[in-house]
Protein backbone atom coordinates (compact mmCIF):
# COMPACT_ATOMS: atom_id res chain seq x y z
CA UNK A 1 -0.15 -0.02 -0.03
CA UNK A 2 2.87 2.64 0.98
CA UNK A 3 3.56 4.67 -1.88
CA UNK A 4 0.96 3.88 -4.29
CA UNK A 5 -0.61 7.19 -4.40
CA UNK A 6 -0.60 10.44 -2.06
CA UNK A 7 -3.89 9.23 -0.48
CA UNK A 8 -2.86 5.83 0.41
CA UNK A 9 0.64 6.96 1.58
CA UNK A 10 -1.06 9.35 4.19
CA UNK A 11 -3.43 6.33 5.49
CA UNK A 12 -0.50 4.30 5.76
CA UNK A 13 1.43 6.79 7.91
CA UNK A 14 -2.01 7.23 9.73
CA UNK A 15 -2.22 3.64 10.52
CA UNK A 16 1.42 3.61 11.76
CA UNK A 17 0.45 6.34 14.30
CA UNK A 18 -2.66 4.71 15.25
CA UNK A 19 -0.58 1.38 16.08
CA UNK A 20 2.17 3.28 18.09
CA UNK A 21 -0.99 4.91 19.92
CA UNK A 22 -2.86 1.58 20.68
CA UNK A 23 0.23 0.03 22.30
CA UNK A 24 1.36 2.64 24.44
CA UNK A 25 1.23 1.43 28.12
CA UNK A 26 -1.76 3.10 29.97
CA UNK A 27 -3.36 4.42 27.16
CA UNK A 28 -7.18 3.41 27.04
CA UNK A 29 -8.37 6.42 24.76
CA UNK A 30 -6.99 7.39 21.48
CA UNK A 31 -8.22 10.65 20.40
CA UNK A 32 -7.65 11.64 16.80
CA UNK A 33 -7.42 15.26 16.57
CA UNK A 34 -7.57 16.45 13.01
CA UNK A 35 -7.82 19.55 10.96
CA UNK A 36 -10.93 20.72 9.40
CA UNK A 37 -9.70 19.58 5.89
CA UNK A 38 -8.58 16.21 6.92
CA UNK A 39 -12.13 15.12 8.17
CA UNK A 40 -12.87 13.19 4.97
CA UNK A 41 -9.60 11.37 5.23
CA UNK A 42 -10.47 10.59 8.97
CA UNK A 43 -13.40 8.85 7.65
CA UNK A 44 -11.45 7.22 4.89
CA UNK A 45 -9.16 5.89 7.43
CA UNK A 46 -12.12 4.57 9.47
CA UNK A 47 -13.41 2.69 6.47
CA UNK A 48 -9.94 1.29 5.77
CA UNK A 49 -9.70 -0.28 8.99
CA UNK A 50 -12.95 -2.22 8.72
CA UNK A 51 -11.40 -3.85 5.69
CA UNK A 52 -10.62 -7.57 6.38
CA UNK A 53 -7.19 -7.60 4.25
CA UNK A 54 -5.34 -4.35 5.70
CA UNK A 55 -2.11 -4.65 7.52
CA UNK A 56 -3.23 -3.33 10.90
CA UNK A 57 -2.62 -5.31 14.20
CA UNK A 58 -5.75 -4.66 15.98
CA UNK A 59 -9.75 -5.72 15.67
CA UNK A 60 -11.60 -2.71 15.25
CA UNK A 61 -15.48 -2.24 15.50
CA UNK A 62 -16.50 1.34 14.77
CA UNK A 63 -19.71 2.66 16.44
CA UNK A 64 -21.75 5.24 14.58
CA UNK A 65 -24.87 5.48 16.73
CA UNK A 66 -25.57 9.22 17.62
CA UNK A 67 -25.15 10.38 21.34
CA UNK A 68 -28.46 10.60 23.15
CA UNK A 69 -28.25 11.16 26.57
CA UNK A 70 -25.75 9.94 29.53
CA UNK A 71 -28.60 7.36 30.75
CA UNK A 72 -29.18 6.00 27.29
CA UNK A 73 -25.90 6.11 25.26
CA UNK A 74 -24.24 2.84 26.68
CA UNK A 75 -27.46 0.81 25.75
CA UNK A 76 -27.59 2.49 22.48
CA UNK A 77 -24.13 1.51 21.55
CA UNK A 78 -24.36 -2.22 22.87
CA UNK A 79 -27.25 -2.46 20.83
CA UNK A 80 -25.42 -1.37 18.24
CA UNK A 81 -22.56 -3.93 18.69
CA UNK A 82 -25.41 -6.53 18.85
CA UNK A 83 -26.47 -5.77 15.29
CA UNK A 84 -23.08 -5.65 13.94
CA UNK A 85 -22.45 -9.21 15.32
CA UNK A 86 -25.80 -10.31 13.65
CA UNK A 87 -24.72 -8.59 10.45
CA UNK A 88 -21.18 -10.46 10.84
CA UNK A 89 -22.91 -14.13 11.37
CA UNK A 90 -25.12 -13.47 8.54
CA UNK A 91 -22.35 -12.46 5.99
CA UNK A 92 -21.06 -14.22 2.96
CA UNK A 93 -17.39 -14.50 3.59
CA UNK A 94 -14.69 -16.33 1.49
CA UNK A 95 -13.59 -19.65 2.97
CA UNK A 96 -9.72 -18.78 2.85
CA UNK A 97 -10.68 -16.12 5.87
CA UNK A 98 -11.34 -18.99 8.09
CA UNK A 99 -14.84 -17.28 9.40
CA UNK A 100 -16.07 -17.98 12.79
CA UNK A 101 -19.41 -17.39 13.86
CA UNK A 102 -19.43 -14.71 16.98
CA UNK A 103 -21.36 -16.64 19.67
CA UNK A 104 -21.25 -13.69 22.29
CA UNK A 105 -24.41 -11.94 23.70
CA UNK A 106 -24.34 -8.76 25.83
CA UNK A 107 -25.37 -8.52 29.44
CA UNK A 108 -27.62 -5.58 29.78
CA UNK A 109 -27.79 -6.35 33.65
CA UNK A 110 -24.41 -4.87 34.25
CA UNK A 111 -25.76 -1.17 34.16
CA UNK A 112 -24.91 1.01 37.02
CA UNK A 113 -26.90 3.89 37.98
CA UNK A 114 -24.10 5.68 39.18
CA UNK A 115 -22.00 5.30 36.12
CA UNK A 116 -23.31 6.10 32.48
CA UNK A 117 -20.56 4.12 30.84
CA UNK A 118 -20.50 1.09 33.15
CA UNK A 119 -22.88 -0.98 31.00
CA UNK A 120 -20.80 -0.45 27.92
CA UNK A 121 -17.51 -1.02 29.36
CA UNK A 122 -18.13 -4.14 31.28
CA UNK A 123 -19.28 -5.30 28.03
CA UNK A 124 -16.62 -4.47 25.85
CA UNK A 125 -14.28 -6.18 28.37
CA UNK A 126 -16.26 -9.41 28.25
CA UNK A 127 -16.31 -9.10 24.35
CA UNK A 128 -12.76 -8.68 24.17
CA UNK A 129 -11.93 -11.32 26.26
CA UNK A 130 -14.46 -13.66 24.55
CA UNK A 131 -12.92 -12.69 20.72
CA UNK A 132 -9.01 -12.62 22.03
CA UNK A 133 -8.75 -14.71 25.28
CA UNK A 134 -5.11 -14.92 24.98
CA UNK A 135 -5.16 -10.96 24.90
CA UNK A 136 -2.27 -10.60 22.35
CA UNK A 137 -4.13 -8.42 19.96
CA UNK A 138 -5.81 -5.17 20.69
CA UNK A 139 -9.59 -4.58 20.34
CA UNK A 140 -10.13 -1.12 19.15
CA UNK A 141 -13.60 0.24 19.51
CA UNK A 142 -13.97 3.78 17.93
CA UNK A 143 -16.89 5.65 19.38
CA UNK A 144 -18.12 8.67 17.01
CA UNK A 145 -20.36 10.35 19.43
CA UNK A 146 -21.96 12.36 17.08
CA UNK A 147 -23.84 15.33 18.45
CA UNK A 148 -22.38 15.21 21.90
CA UNK A 149 -21.22 18.39 23.49
CA UNK A 150 -17.87 18.81 25.24
CA UNK A 151 -19.57 18.70 28.70
CA UNK A 152 -21.69 15.22 27.97
CA UNK A 153 -18.58 13.82 26.23
CA UNK A 154 -16.45 14.34 29.09
CA UNK A 155 -19.00 13.00 31.66
CA UNK A 156 -19.37 9.74 29.61
CA UNK A 157 -15.62 9.12 28.77
CA UNK A 158 -14.50 9.80 32.36
CA UNK A 159 -17.16 7.49 33.91
CA UNK A 160 -15.52 5.03 31.38
CA UNK A 161 -12.11 5.50 32.70
CA UNK A 162 -13.35 5.01 36.42
CA UNK A 163 -14.26 1.39 35.40
CA UNK A 164 -11.10 -1.08 34.92
CA UNK A 165 -10.57 -1.52 31.31
CA UNK A 166 -8.74 -4.73 29.82
CA UNK A 167 -5.29 -4.14 28.91
CA UNK A 168 -6.04 -5.16 25.34
CA UNK A 169 -8.98 -3.19 24.99
CA UNK A 170 -8.94 0.58 23.56
CA UNK A 171 -11.58 3.24 22.51
CA UNK A 172 -11.11 5.66 19.85
CA UNK A 173 -12.69 8.97 19.49
CA UNK A 174 -12.60 11.51 16.62
CA UNK A 175 -12.08 15.33 17.42
CA UNK A 176 -11.26 18.42 15.45
CA UNK A 177 -9.23 21.26 15.79
CA UNK A 178 -12.61 23.62 15.00
CA UNK A 179 -14.10 22.20 18.01
CA UNK A 180 -11.85 20.58 20.22
CA UNK A 181 -14.53 18.48 22.27
CA UNK A 182 -12.06 16.39 24.36
CA UNK A 183 -9.49 18.98 25.43
CA UNK A 184 -10.35 18.78 28.72
CA UNK A 185 -10.63 15.30 29.00
CA UNK A 186 -7.04 14.85 27.49
CA UNK A 187 -5.89 17.47 30.21
CA UNK A 188 -7.23 15.75 33.09
CA UNK A 189 -6.31 12.32 31.78
CA UNK A 190 -2.78 12.76 30.38
CA UNK A 191 -1.70 9.09 30.74
CA UNK A 192 -5.06 7.33 29.50
CA UNK A 193 -5.86 9.58 26.76
CA UNK A 194 -3.29 9.81 23.86
CA UNK A 195 -3.81 12.62 21.42
CA UNK A 196 -2.99 11.81 18.02
CA UNK A 197 -1.93 14.35 15.23
CA UNK A 198 -2.60 13.11 11.90
CA UNK A 199 -0.64 15.84 10.35
CA UNK A 200 -1.62 14.77 6.81
CA UNK A 201 -0.77 17.92 4.72
CA UNK A 202 -4.12 17.63 2.47
CA UNK A 203 -2.99 20.61 0.35
CA UNK A 204 0.17 18.72 -0.79
CA UNK A 205 -1.98 15.46 -1.30
CA UNK A 206 -4.31 17.00 -3.48
CA UNK A 207 -1.76 18.68 -5.73
CA UNK A 208 0.08 15.59 -5.93
CA UNK A 209 -3.15 14.14 -7.09
CA UNK A 210 -3.94 16.74 -9.60
CA UNK A 211 -0.29 16.20 -11.04
CA UNK A 212 -1.16 12.56 -11.89
CA UNK A 213 -2.10 11.81 -15.44
CA UNK A 214 -0.66 12.23 -18.81
CA UNK A 215 1.62 15.26 -18.86
CA UNK A 216 1.09 15.94 -22.29
CA UNK A 217 -2.71 16.39 -21.88
CA UNK A 218 -3.30 19.86 -20.92
CA UNK A 219 -5.76 19.31 -18.19
CA UNK A 220 -3.09 17.86 -16.00
CA UNK A 221 -0.62 20.77 -15.67
CA UNK A 222 -3.90 22.95 -15.84
CA UNK A 223 -5.29 20.96 -12.90
CA UNK A 224 -2.07 21.15 -10.93
CA UNK A 225 -1.95 24.96 -11.05
CA UNK A 226 -5.56 25.35 -10.24
CA UNK A 227 -5.30 23.60 -7.11
CA UNK A 228 -2.23 25.51 -6.38
CA UNK A 229 -4.30 28.65 -6.83
CA UNK A 230 -6.84 27.57 -4.42
CA UNK A 231 -4.50 26.48 -1.89
CA UNK A 232 -2.89 29.92 -2.19
CA UNK A 233 -6.22 31.65 -1.65
CA UNK A 234 -6.89 29.69 1.52
CA UNK A 235 -3.35 30.37 2.89
CA UNK A 236 -3.10 34.43 1.71
CA UNK A 237 -0.16 33.79 -0.28
CA UNK A 238 -0.12 36.78 -2.87
CA UNK A 239 2.57 35.60 -5.13
CA UNK A 240 1.31 32.09 -5.53
CA UNK A 241 -1.97 33.13 -6.33
CA UNK A 242 -0.72 35.54 -9.20
CA UNK A 243 1.69 32.66 -10.65
CA UNK A 244 -0.80 29.84 -10.74
CA UNK A 245 -3.52 32.03 -12.18
CA UNK A 246 -1.74 33.52 -14.85
CA UNK A 247 -0.56 29.71 -15.51
CA UNK A 248 -4.28 28.61 -15.31
CA UNK A 249 -5.44 31.37 -17.69
CA UNK A 250 -2.45 30.97 -20.04
CA UNK A 251 -3.45 27.00 -20.77
CA UNK A 252 -7.27 27.92 -20.85
CA UNK A 253 -6.73 30.60 -23.39
CA UNK A 254 -4.45 28.56 -25.60
CA UNK A 255 -6.86 25.39 -25.60
CA UNK A 256 -9.84 27.58 -26.19
CA UNK A 257 -9.33 27.89 -29.84
CA UNK A 258 -9.41 24.00 -29.88
CA UNK A 259 -12.30 23.11 -27.42
CA UNK A 260 -14.71 25.98 -26.39
CA UNK A 261 -15.13 24.13 -23.16
CA UNK A 262 -12.33 25.75 -21.58
CA UNK A 263 -14.24 29.08 -21.20
CA UNK A 264 -15.90 27.46 -17.98
CA UNK A 265 -12.61 27.15 -16.67
CA UNK A 266 -11.65 30.68 -17.52
CA UNK A 267 -15.07 31.42 -15.43
CA UNK A 268 -13.72 29.40 -12.40
CA UNK A 269 -10.35 31.24 -12.23
CA UNK A 270 -11.50 34.67 -12.29
CA UNK A 271 -14.55 33.41 -9.81
CA UNK A 272 -11.50 32.43 -7.66
CA UNK A 273 -9.85 35.78 -7.90
CA UNK A 274 -12.72 37.77 -7.12
CA UNK A 275 -13.35 35.86 -3.96
CA UNK A 276 -9.98 36.10 -2.90
CA UNK A 277 -10.25 39.83 -3.23
CA UNK A 278 -13.30 39.84 -1.09
CA UNK A 279 -11.10 38.45 1.82
CA UNK A 280 -8.90 41.53 1.63
CA UNK A 281 -12.00 43.75 1.21
CA UNK A 282 -10.71 45.13 -1.90
CA UNK A 283 -14.29 45.08 -3.62
CA UNK A 284 -12.94 47.34 -6.39
CA UNK A 285 -10.77 44.66 -7.52
CA UNK A 286 -13.24 41.86 -7.07
CA UNK A 287 -15.81 43.90 -9.07
CA UNK A 288 -13.03 43.84 -11.91
CA UNK A 289 -12.77 40.16 -11.80
CA UNK A 290 -16.39 39.35 -11.30
CA UNK A 291 -16.79 41.37 -14.55
CA UNK A 292 -14.05 39.22 -16.33
CA UNK A 293 -15.87 35.95 -15.14
CA UNK A 294 -19.33 37.54 -16.44
CA UNK A 295 -17.58 38.35 -19.89
CA UNK A 296 -16.31 34.52 -20.24
CA UNK A 297 -19.73 33.21 -18.97
CA UNK A 298 -21.63 35.31 -21.71
CA UNK A 299 -19.43 33.61 -24.58
CA UNK A 300 -20.46 30.35 -23.23
CA UNK A 301 -23.91 30.94 -24.84
CA UNK A 302 -23.27 29.77 -28.35
CA UNK A 303 -20.60 26.98 -27.38
CA UNK A 304 -22.04 25.04 -24.26
CA UNK A 305 -25.35 23.34 -23.44
CA UNK A 306 -27.74 25.98 -22.85
CA UNK A 307 -28.58 24.66 -19.16
CA UNK A 308 -24.84 24.95 -18.36
CA UNK A 309 -24.16 28.14 -20.05
CA UNK A 310 -27.31 30.11 -18.41
CA UNK A 311 -26.23 28.74 -14.99
CA UNK A 312 -22.77 30.19 -15.35
CA UNK A 313 -23.98 33.34 -16.44
CA UNK A 314 -26.58 33.65 -13.76
CA UNK A 315 -24.10 32.76 -10.93
CA UNK A 316 -21.48 35.46 -12.10
CA UNK A 317 -24.08 38.01 -12.38
CA UNK A 318 -25.33 37.24 -8.84
CA UNK A 319 -21.71 37.33 -7.75
CA UNK A 320 -20.95 40.64 -9.03
CA UNK A 321 -24.28 41.77 -8.05
CA UNK A 322 -23.49 41.09 -4.74
CA UNK A 323 -20.38 43.00 -4.61
CA UNK A 324 -22.02 46.21 -6.13
CA UNK A 325 -24.33 46.10 -3.17
CA UNK A 326 -21.53 45.96 -0.72
CA UNK A 327 -20.13 49.01 -2.45
CA UNK A 328 -24.07 50.65 -2.23
CA UNK A 329 -23.98 50.72 -5.97
CA UNK A 330 -27.43 49.81 -6.09
CA UNK A 331 -28.46 50.35 -9.68
CA UNK A 332 -25.75 48.08 -10.79
CA UNK A 333 -26.87 45.83 -8.22
CA UNK A 334 -30.25 45.59 -9.31
CA UNK A 335 -29.07 45.33 -13.12
CA UNK A 336 -26.80 42.45 -12.46
CA UNK A 337 -29.69 40.55 -10.16
CA UNK A 338 -32.28 40.96 -13.08
CA UNK A 339 -29.50 39.23 -15.49
CA UNK A 340 -29.32 36.57 -13.21
CA UNK A 341 -33.00 36.01 -13.10
CA UNK A 342 -33.27 36.35 -17.00
CA UNK A 343 -30.68 33.59 -17.43
CA UNK A 344 -31.93 31.29 -14.66
CA UNK A 345 -35.56 31.41 -16.51
CA UNK A 346 -33.92 30.48 -19.77
CA UNK A 347 -32.21 27.35 -18.25
CA UNK A 348 -35.49 26.48 -15.98
CA UNK A 349 -33.31 26.52 -12.88
CA UNK A 350 -36.40 27.60 -10.57
CA UNK A 351 -34.27 27.77 -7.30
CA UNK A 352 -31.86 30.17 -8.38
CA UNK A 353 -34.88 31.88 -10.42
CA UNK A 354 -36.66 32.30 -7.29
CA UNK A 355 -33.41 33.33 -5.56
CA UNK A 356 -32.74 35.97 -8.10
CA UNK A 357 -36.17 37.48 -7.96
CA UNK A 358 -36.00 37.69 -4.15
CA UNK A 359 -32.69 39.81 -4.56
CA UNK A 360 -34.15 41.91 -7.21
CA UNK A 361 -36.92 42.53 -4.74
CA UNK A 362 -34.57 43.07 -1.75
CA UNK A 363 -32.68 45.74 -3.99
CA UNK A 364 -35.70 47.56 -5.02
CA UNK A 365 -36.29 47.87 -1.35
CA UNK A 366 -32.99 49.50 -0.73
CA UNK A 367 -34.11 51.76 -3.72
CA UNK A 368 -37.27 52.65 -1.85
CA UNK A 369 -39.19 51.22 -4.69
CA UNK A 370 -41.35 49.24 -2.74
CA UNK A 371 -44.14 48.50 -5.23
CA UNK A 372 -41.71 46.99 -7.51
CA UNK A 373 -40.08 44.95 -4.74
CA UNK A 374 -43.58 43.62 -4.16
CA UNK A 375 -43.90 42.41 -7.75
CA UNK A 376 -40.46 40.52 -7.89
CA UNK A 377 -41.65 38.99 -4.47
CA UNK A 378 -44.81 38.00 -6.05
CA UNK A 379 -42.89 36.31 -9.16
CA UNK A 380 -40.63 34.41 -6.78
CA UNK A 381 -43.60 33.22 -4.75
CA UNK A 382 -45.23 32.04 -7.74
CA UNK A 383 -42.37 29.41 -8.48
CA UNK A 384 -43.68 27.54 -5.46
CA UNK A 385 -45.44 24.93 -7.90
CA UNK A 386 -41.83 24.26 -9.20
CA UNK A 387 -40.13 23.71 -6.00
CA UNK A 388 -40.38 20.79 -3.72
CA UNK A 389 -41.46 21.16 -0.04
CA UNK A 390 -38.14 20.10 1.07
CA UNK A 391 -36.36 22.87 -1.03
CA UNK A 392 -39.04 25.25 0.01
CA UNK A 393 -38.44 24.90 3.69
CA UNK A 394 -34.42 24.80 3.33
CA UNK A 395 -33.74 27.72 0.77
CA UNK A 396 -34.53 31.35 1.10
CA UNK A 397 -38.25 31.01 -0.19
CA UNK A 398 -39.48 31.81 3.44
CA UNK A 399 -37.88 35.19 3.05
CA UNK A 400 -40.11 35.60 0.29
CA UNK A 401 -43.19 34.82 2.06
CA UNK A 402 -42.36 37.05 4.94
CA UNK A 403 -42.05 40.05 2.65
CA UNK A 404 -45.14 39.29 1.16
CA UNK A 405 -47.17 38.73 4.47
CA UNK A 406 -46.13 42.40 5.28
CA UNK A 407 -47.05 43.69 2.38
CA UNK A 408 -50.86 45.08 1.76
CA UNK A 409 -50.65 45.33 -2.10
CA UNK A 410 -50.26 41.54 -2.66
CA UNK A 411 -53.54 40.80 -1.46
CA UNK A 412 -54.84 41.96 -4.97
CA UNK A 413 -52.92 38.97 -6.47
CA UNK A 414 -52.42 36.56 -3.46
CA UNK A 415 -55.11 36.55 -0.98
CA UNK A 416 -54.60 35.16 2.69
CA UNK A 417 -56.98 32.36 1.85
CA UNK A 418 -54.80 31.38 -1.18
CA UNK A 419 -51.45 31.43 1.18
CA UNK A 420 -53.01 29.73 3.68
CA UNK A 421 -54.14 26.65 1.08
CA UNK A 422 -50.31 26.80 -0.36
CA UNK A 423 -48.05 26.98 2.78
CA UNK A 424 -49.89 25.10 5.47
CA UNK A 425 -49.07 21.66 3.82
CA UNK A 426 -45.38 22.72 3.61
CA UNK A 427 -44.82 24.71 6.74
CA UNK A 428 -47.62 23.39 9.03
CA UNK A 429 -51.00 24.75 10.20
CA UNK A 430 -49.05 27.43 12.35
CA UNK A 431 -47.11 28.22 9.12
CA UNK A 432 -47.40 32.20 9.71
CA UNK A 433 -45.45 31.66 13.13
CA UNK A 434 -42.89 29.73 11.29
CA UNK A 435 -42.46 32.23 8.47
CA UNK A 436 -42.00 35.05 11.24
CA UNK A 437 -39.05 33.30 13.06
CA UNK A 438 -37.16 32.37 9.92
CA UNK A 439 -34.04 34.32 9.94
CA UNK A 440 -34.46 36.16 13.00
CA UNK A 441 -31.15 36.94 14.54
CA UNK A 442 -30.16 35.60 18.09
CA UNK A 443 -30.27 38.24 20.96
CA UNK A 444 -27.34 40.48 21.16
CA UNK A 445 -26.00 39.33 17.82
CA UNK A 446 -25.45 41.63 14.83
CA UNK A 447 -27.98 41.40 12.01
CA UNK A 448 -26.46 39.92 8.64
CA UNK A 449 -27.88 41.19 5.42
CA UNK A 450 -28.87 38.17 3.19
CA UNK A 451 -27.17 39.40 -0.10
CA UNK A 452 -26.61 35.71 -1.47
């Protein structure tokens, strides 16, 4: 496995670190503390550990049951283990693997009302002794603890550490640098809790992957420069951004003569560049790059599939419109939002058409053109039959409804009775209360304008 590709290589090195951690004397919990961009790789690592043909030295079971509460979590996990055993026993396994049925059952009578983790830990000890009576192979139980907060996680895991855990049993937990749920646990139990830092350098991994392929194909060097451009933006490396943006545009412009599909890549590069300038609050420069993205998007009308072309046009106009809005150039912002709406209407993207019309209405309000604003909101509302209930609830459609509820002029077009008929099946009988709560800012928090 080692050296096959950057991703496999990183999983191999992570496995080495894991092996060191689970074999460190006194360690009962291994905490993987990963960076935000390493989360997908950690999930891949867990899936790798479940494979039956890996190089690892431990028996691994991964429990995904969400955290419920302190009283029920142990039972929930024990039930999940029982389900996994049943699945294992009923699975079709190749004969060469010398499959054996697991004849073990959990004992639910081992619960302790004074210790929330006792039921699971005592059963894990019994399970590990059943599987590995010689105790020469580690049994690793990875507990994901989805939805647990730091206080709940601390209480349950500290309870677990109060119960004697067999020498060949180790619990694995996943943490992130963004949330650091298990910091206090690691601080209070420095011997029992081992913090493993993956240090995967995913930027480099992605750059290495992007360079794979035929070097004579223009897509290969372009992909490499594009990834380095995005990494440069993320890490605020101006020279790297300029260098790789120029390289991307040079390749795309050259290849454009043979393949017009490269226009979409030019749009991508300029979109990255204007997003970068927003981070520095250089809105004039951002508007310039957004304009270049629009120019490239418009050129796709005659060469790309209309659905893709008009979506590109809509996206780029909304991007620049939001920048004009930040600069309070509301006439220009409205022009861009109107152009976006026209583009999305042409490609039948009803969700983004609804959003573009909402932005048109919002910008008209900023211009004190309330009658025109209502007309845009009505057009957006009338797209409801083209949107699924889930989309209506999870998009900005409720903002449209909220604006119309506060408008007396809309009653000439959409009555209260009609709105009740339309919206009760989607938002419930008390849909007005739900709509009024939508988008409300928390107390003592600044209000954020919905521009995108």
